[in-house]
C-alpha atoms as a PDB file:
ATOM      1  CA  MET A   1       0.073  -0.417   0.103  1.00  0.00           C
ATOM      2  CA  GLY A   2       1.450   3.548  -0.718  1.00  0.00           C
ATOM      3  CA  VAL A   3       0.938   6.336   2.189  1.00  0.00           C
ATOM      4  CA  LEU A   4      -2.081   7.824   0.415  1.00  0.00           C
ATOM      5  CA  GLU A   5      -3.888   4.324   0.438  1.00  0.00           C
ATOM      6  CA  VAL A   6      -2.936   3.875   4.400  1.00  0.00           C
ATOM      7  CA  ILE A   7      -4.221   7.275   5.109  1.00  0.00           C
ATOM      8  CA  GLU A   8      -7.442   6.205   3.816  1.00  0.00           C
ATOM      9  CA  ALA A   9      -7.713   2.806   5.007  1.00  0.00           C
ATOM     10  CA  ARG A  10      -6.939   3.653   8.444  1.00  0.00           C
ATOM     11  CA  LYS A  11      -9.884   3.348  11.112  1.00  0.00           C
ATOM     12  CA  SER A  12     -10.258   3.754  14.713  1.00  0.00           C
ATOM     13  CA  THR A  13     -11.167   0.490  16.453  1.00  0.00           C
ATOM     14  CA  ARG A  14     -13.084   0.591  19.664  1.00  0.00           C
ATOM     15  CA  GLY A  15     -12.853  -3.356  20.629  1.00  0.00           C
ATOM     16  CA  PHE A  16      -9.831  -5.447  20.660  1.00  0.00           C
ATOM     17  CA  THR A  17      -9.306  -9.066  21.713  1.00  0.00           C
ATOM     18  CA  ALA A  18      -6.509  -9.138  24.199  1.00  0.00           C
ATOM     19  CA  VAL A  19      -4.062 -10.631  21.913  1.00  0.00           C
ATOM     20  CA  PRO A  20      -0.699  -8.471  22.346  1.00  0.00           C
ATOM     21  CA  VAL A  21       1.203  -6.961  18.940  1.00  0.00           C
ATOM     22  CA  PRO A  22       3.826  -9.377  17.856  1.00  0.00           C
ATOM     23  CA  GLU A  23       7.347  -8.035  18.920  1.00  0.00           C
ATOM     24  CA  ASP A  24       8.528  -7.711  15.283  1.00  0.00           C
ATOM     25  CA  LYS A  25       5.294  -5.633  14.273  1.00  0.00           C
ATOM     26  CA  LEU A  26       5.699  -3.506  17.378  1.00  0.00           C
ATOM     27  CA  GLY A  27       9.449  -2.681  16.507  1.00  0.00           C
ATOM     28  CA  ALA A  28       8.444  -1.407  13.184  1.00  0.00           C
ATOM     29  CA  ILE A  29       5.515   0.831  14.949  1.00  0.00           C
ATOM     30  CA  LEU A  30       7.812   2.149  17.471  1.00  0.00           C
ATOM     31  CA  LYS A  31      10.753   2.824  14.871  1.00  0.00           C
ATOM     32  CA  ALA A  32       7.865   4.626  13.047  1.00  0.00           C
ATOM     33  CA  GLY A  33       7.229   6.733  15.726  1.00  0.00           C
ATOM     34  CA  GLY A  34      10.727   7.440  16.314  1.00  0.00           C
ATOM     35  CA  GLU A  35      11.232   9.028  12.565  1.00  0.00           C
ATOM     36  CA  ALA A  36       8.595  11.547  13.076  1.00  0.00           C
ATOM     37  CA  PRO A  37       9.431  15.108  13.149  1.00  0.00           C
ATOM     38  CA  VAL A  38       9.932  16.884  16.765  1.00  0.00           C
ATOM     39  CA  GLY A  39      10.191  20.288  17.033  1.00  0.00           C
ATOM     40  CA  LEU A  40      13.807  21.737  17.540  1.00  0.00           C
ATOM     41  CA  GLY A  41      15.001  18.008  17.350  1.00  0.00           C
ATOM     42  CA  LYS A  42      14.792  17.162  20.810  1.00  0.00           C
ATOM     43  CA  TYR A  43      14.164  13.517  20.649  1.00  0.00           C
ATOM     44  CA  ASP A  44      15.887  13.262  24.023  1.00  0.00           C
ATOM     45  CA  ALA A  45      12.657  14.948  25.352  1.00  0.00           C
ATOM     46  CA  ILE A  46      10.655  12.385  24.093  1.00  0.00           C
ATOM     47  CA  HIS A  47      10.034   8.740  25.828  1.00  0.00           C
ATOM     48  CA  PHE A  48       7.653   5.761  24.533  1.00  0.00           C
ATOM     49  CA  THR A  49       6.309   3.468  26.964  1.00  0.00           C
ATOM     50  CA  VAL A  50       4.876  -0.085  25.707  1.00  0.00           C
ATOM     51  CA  ILE A  51       2.506  -1.590  28.377  1.00  0.00           C
ATOM     52  CA  GLN A  52       1.374  -5.395  27.577  1.00  0.00           C
ATOM     53  CA  ASN A  53       0.137  -5.740  31.077  1.00  0.00           C
ATOM     54  CA  PRO A  54      -3.546  -5.893  31.232  1.00  0.00           C
ATOM     55  CA  GLY A  55      -4.110  -5.022  34.981  1.00  0.00           C
ATOM     56  CA  LEU A  56      -1.653  -1.865  34.190  1.00  0.00           C
ATOM     57  CA  ILE A  57      -4.051  -0.703  30.994  1.00  0.00           C
ATOM     58  CA  ALA A  58      -7.067  -1.221  33.191  1.00  0.00           C
ATOM     59  CA  ALA A  59      -5.933   1.148  36.225  1.00  0.00           C
ATOM     60  CA  ILE A  60      -4.584   3.864  33.528  1.00  0.00           C
ATOM     61  CA  SER A  61      -8.001   3.629  31.888  1.00  0.00           C
ATOM     62  CA  ASP A  62      -9.726   3.876  35.395  1.00  0.00           C
ATOM     63  CA  ALA A  63      -7.533   6.832  36.414  1.00  0.00           C
ATOM     64  CA  ALA A  64      -8.244   8.670  33.136  1.00  0.00           C
ATOM     65  CA  THR A  65     -11.967   8.046  33.638  1.00  0.00           C
ATOM     66  CA  LYS A  66     -12.003   8.692  37.266  1.00  0.00           C
ATOM     67  CA  GLY A  67     -14.895  11.233  38.081  1.00  0.00           C
ATOM     68  CA  THR A  68     -15.605  11.920  34.562  1.00  0.00           C
ATOM     69  CA  GLU A  69     -18.891  11.061  32.812  1.00  0.00           C
ATOM     70  CA  ARG A  70     -17.158   8.118  31.170  1.00  0.00           C
ATOM     71  CA  GLU A  71     -15.928   6.542  34.774  1.00  0.00           C
ATOM     72  CA  GLY A  72     -15.501   3.108  34.379  1.00  0.00           C
ATOM     73  CA  LEU A  73     -15.248   3.025  30.508  1.00  0.00           C
ATOM     74  CA  ASP A  74     -12.632   0.952  29.311  1.00  0.00           C
ATOM     75  CA  ILE A  75     -10.665   3.732  26.990  1.00  0.00           C
ATOM     76  CA  TYR A  76      -8.499   1.338  25.670  1.00  0.00           C
ATOM     77  CA  TYR A  77     -11.167  -0.980  24.478  1.00  0.00           C
ATOM     78  CA  GLY A  78      -9.691  -4.362  25.618  1.00  0.00           C
ATOM     79  CA  ALA A  79      -6.054  -3.780  23.363  1.00  0.00           C
ATOM     80  CA  GLY A  80      -3.619  -5.871  24.416  1.00  0.00           C
ATOM     81  CA  THR A  81      -0.966  -3.384  23.855  1.00  0.00           C
ATOM     82  CA  VAL A  82      -0.755   0.404  24.455  1.00  0.00           C
ATOM     83  CA  ILE A  83       1.750   2.859  23.574  1.00  0.00           C
ATOM     84  CA  VAL A  84       2.310   5.756  25.659  1.00  0.00           C
ATOM     85  CA  VAL A  85       4.034   9.284  24.198  1.00  0.00           C
ATOM     86  CA  SER A  86       5.456  11.253  27.202  1.00  0.00           C
ATOM     87  CA  SER A  87       7.505  14.220  27.016  1.00  0.00           C
ATOM     88  CA  ALA A  88      10.062  16.207  28.883  1.00  0.00           C
ATOM     89  CA  ALA A  89       9.528  19.857  29.375  1.00  0.00           C
ATOM     90  CA  GLN A  90       9.845  22.169  26.141  1.00  0.00           C
ATOM     91  CA  PRO A  91      10.999  25.415  25.224  1.00  0.00           C
ATOM     92  CA  ALA A  92       7.452  26.499  23.631  1.00  0.00           C
ATOM     93  CA  PRO A  93       4.112  26.164  24.793  1.00  0.00           C
ATOM     94  CA  GLY A  94       2.188  23.089  23.402  1.00  0.00           C
ATOM     95  CA  LEU A  95       5.310  21.452  21.512  1.00  0.00           C
ATOM     96  CA  GLU A  96       4.812  18.375  23.531  1.00  0.00           C
ATOM     97  CA  TYR A  97       1.479  17.903  22.118  1.00  0.00           C
ATOM     98  CA  SER A  98       2.855  18.733  18.428  1.00  0.00           C
ATOM     99  CA  ASN A  99       5.240  16.272  18.891  1.00  0.00           C
ATOM    100  CA  ALA A 100       2.925  13.545  20.118  1.00  0.00           C
ATOM    101  CA  GLY A 101       0.841  14.364  17.443  1.00  0.00           C
ATOM    102  CA  ALA A 102       3.248  13.569  14.696  1.00  0.00           C
ATOM    103  CA  ILE A 103       4.442  10.563  16.636  1.00  0.00           C
ATOM    104  CA  THR A 104       1.169   9.115  17.073  1.00  0.00           C
ATOM    105  CA  GLN A 105       0.211   9.636  13.340  1.00  0.00           C
ATOM    106  CA  ASN A 106       3.040   7.589  12.260  1.00  0.00           C
ATOM    107  CA  PHE A 107       2.333   4.730  14.784  1.00  0.00           C
ATOM    108  CA  LEU A 108      -1.249   4.291  13.267  1.00  0.00           C
ATOM    109  CA  LEU A 109      -0.525   4.768   9.915  1.00  0.00           C
ATOM    110  CA  ALA A 110       2.649   1.957  10.276  1.00  0.00           C
ATOM    111  CA  ALA A 111       0.204   0.149  12.315  1.00  0.00           C
ATOM    112  CA  THR A 112      -2.377   0.319   9.596  1.00  0.00           C
ATOM    113  CA  GLU A 113      -0.007  -0.803   6.997  1.00  0.00           C
ATOM    114  CA  LEU A 114       1.330  -4.017   9.267  1.00  0.00           C
ATOM    115  CA  GLY A 115      -2.501  -4.741   9.961  1.00  0.00           C
ATOM    116  CA  ILE A 116      -2.751  -4.150  13.283  1.00  0.00           C
ATOM    117  CA  ASP A 117      -5.762  -2.033  14.236  1.00  0.00           C
ATOM    118  CA  ASN A 118      -5.490   0.636  16.254  1.00  0.00           C
ATOM    119  CA  VAL A 119      -6.874   4.162  17.964  1.00  0.00           C
ATOM    120  CA  TYR A 120      -5.128   7.169  19.161  1.00  0.00           C
ATOM    121  CA  ILE A 121      -6.363   7.879  22.811  1.00  0.00           C
ATOM    122  CA  PHE A 122      -5.756  11.312  24.205  1.00  0.00           C
ATOM    123  CA  GLY A 123      -7.481  11.406  27.202  1.00  0.00           C
ATOM    124  CA  THR A 124      -5.440   8.998  29.349  1.00  0.00           C
ATOM    125  CA  VAL A 125      -3.090  12.363  30.174  1.00  0.00           C
ATOM    126  CA  SER A 126      -4.726  14.288  32.609  1.00  0.00           C
ATOM    127  CA  GLY A 127      -5.699  11.097  34.725  1.00  0.00           C
ATOM    128  CA  PHE A 128      -2.470   9.233  34.303  1.00  0.00           C
ATOM    129  CA  ALA A 129      -0.012  12.022  34.717  1.00  0.00           C
ATOM    130  CA  ASN A 130      -1.849  12.932  37.951  1.00  0.00           C
ATOM    131  CA  ALA A 131      -1.081   9.383  39.444  1.00  0.00           C
ATOM    132  CA  PRO A 132       2.337   8.928  40.776  1.00  0.00           C
ATOM    133  CA  GLU A 133       2.258   5.456  41.421  1.00  0.00           C
ATOM    134  CA  LEU A 134       0.993   4.546  37.966  1.00  0.00           C
ATOM    135  CA  LEU A 135       4.059   6.403  36.584  1.00  0.00           C
ATOM    136  CA  GLN A 136       6.174   4.535  38.336  1.00  0.00           C
ATOM    137  CA  LYS A 137       4.618   1.082  37.683  1.00  0.00           C
ATOM    138  CA  ALA A 138       4.632   1.996  33.917  1.00  0.00           C
ATOM    139  CA  GLY A 139       8.402   3.125  34.233  1.00  0.00           C
ATOM    140  CA  ILE A 140       7.871   6.615  32.863  1.00  0.00           C
ATOM    141  CA  PRO A 141      11.053   8.569  33.602  1.00  0.00           C
ATOM    142  CA  ASP A 142      11.140  11.056  36.106  1.00  0.00           C
ATOM    143  CA  GLY A 143      10.730  14.848  34.549  1.00  0.00           C
ATOM    144  CA  PHE A 144       8.347  12.911  31.668  1.00  0.00           C
ATOM    145  CA  LYS A 145       4.490  13.649  31.675  1.00  0.00           C
ATOM    146  CA  PRO A 146       2.383  11.251  29.484  1.00  0.00           C
ATOM    147  CA  VAL A 147       0.911  13.524  26.354  1.00  0.00           C
ATOM    148  CA  ALA A 148      -0.618  10.669  24.265  1.00  0.00           C
ATOM    149  CA  SER A 149      -1.334   7.108  23.761  1.00  0.00           C
ATOM    150  CA  VAL A 150      -2.451   4.915  21.068  1.00  0.00           C
ATOM    151  CA  ALA A 151      -4.011   1.156  21.628  1.00  0.00           C
ATOM    152  CA  LEU A 152      -3.139  -1.474  19.315  1.00  0.00           C
ATOM    153  CA  GLY A 153      -4.266  -5.030  18.757  1.00  0.00           C
ATOM    154  CA  TYR A 154      -6.574  -6.801  16.728  1.00  0.00           C
ATOM    155  CA  ALA A 155     -10.248  -5.890  16.332  1.00  0.00           C
ATOM    156  CA  GLU A 156     -12.652  -8.040  17.957  1.00  0.00           C
ATOM    157  CA  ASP A 157     -15.269  -8.095  15.172  1.00  0.00           C
ATOM    158  CA  ALA A 158     -15.822  -5.970  12.339  1.00  0.00           C
ATOM    159  CA  ALA A 159     -18.212  -3.532  13.658  1.00  0.00           C
ATOM    160  CA  ALA A 160     -15.348  -2.486  16.115  1.00  0.00           C
ATOM    161  CA  ARG A 161     -13.844  -0.897  13.308  1.00  0.00           C
ATOM    162  CA  VAL A 162     -15.511   2.644  12.937  1.00  0.00           C
ATOM    163  CA  ALA A 163     -16.852   3.708   9.852  1.00  0.00           C
ATOM    164  CA  LYS A 164     -15.143   7.008   8.805  1.00  0.00           C
ATOM    165  CA  VAL A 165     -17.335   9.840   8.596  1.00  0.00           C
ATOM    166  CA  PRO A 166     -17.451  11.991   5.379  1.00  0.00           C
ATOM    167  CA  ARG A 167     -14.910  14.697   5.836  1.00  0.00           C
ATOM    168  CA  SER A 168     -14.720  18.378   4.581  1.00  0.00           C
ATOM    169  CA  VAL A 169     -12.270  20.637   5.842  1.00  0.00           C
ATOM    170  CA  ALA A 170     -12.381  24.211   4.971  1.00  0.00           C
ATOM    171  CA  VAL A 171      -9.104  25.209   2.427  1.00  0.00           C
ATOM    172  CA  ASN A 172      -8.127  29.008   2.312  1.00  0.00           C
ATOM    173  CA  ARG A 173      -5.927  29.753  -0.511  1.00  0.00           C
ATOM    174  CA  VAL A 174      -3.692  32.692  -0.614  1.00  0.00           C
ATOM    175  CA  GLY A 175      -1.818  33.152  -3.709  1.00  0.00           C
END
């Protein structure tokens, strides 16, 4: 598949089997994330954490939804593999989120190319980032905070792959 075909083929999956992503495919996905552009070339301010422990994934999900209208929802939809993107402090406001967006897009596109279902989960960051015991269990380095995550695995059925909504994005051309 070419890159434009992969972009068009990618769908968010909201229902996974618990089967973890095979190590060779996971390695390729992580490599793709590492190839993403990062502001000011500060790759040393980025950290990836791969979580394949079902209990820890559930605890992070619980922390993320605690006290919200989504409390108790499994925000990872039963996925067997989660990658958390963390960032150290950045010199420009919001740069950590810009970097995480580029990185997670690469994760998602690589996963799609490799036949791994996926979904981008931003909602973990506040609850997870404010739970020191979970940060420690996940091995998030000191000075880093979670800013985004992706769930990876295999869809439990075809209905779990969410159909894309027709998109119309406004474009302004100045020339």
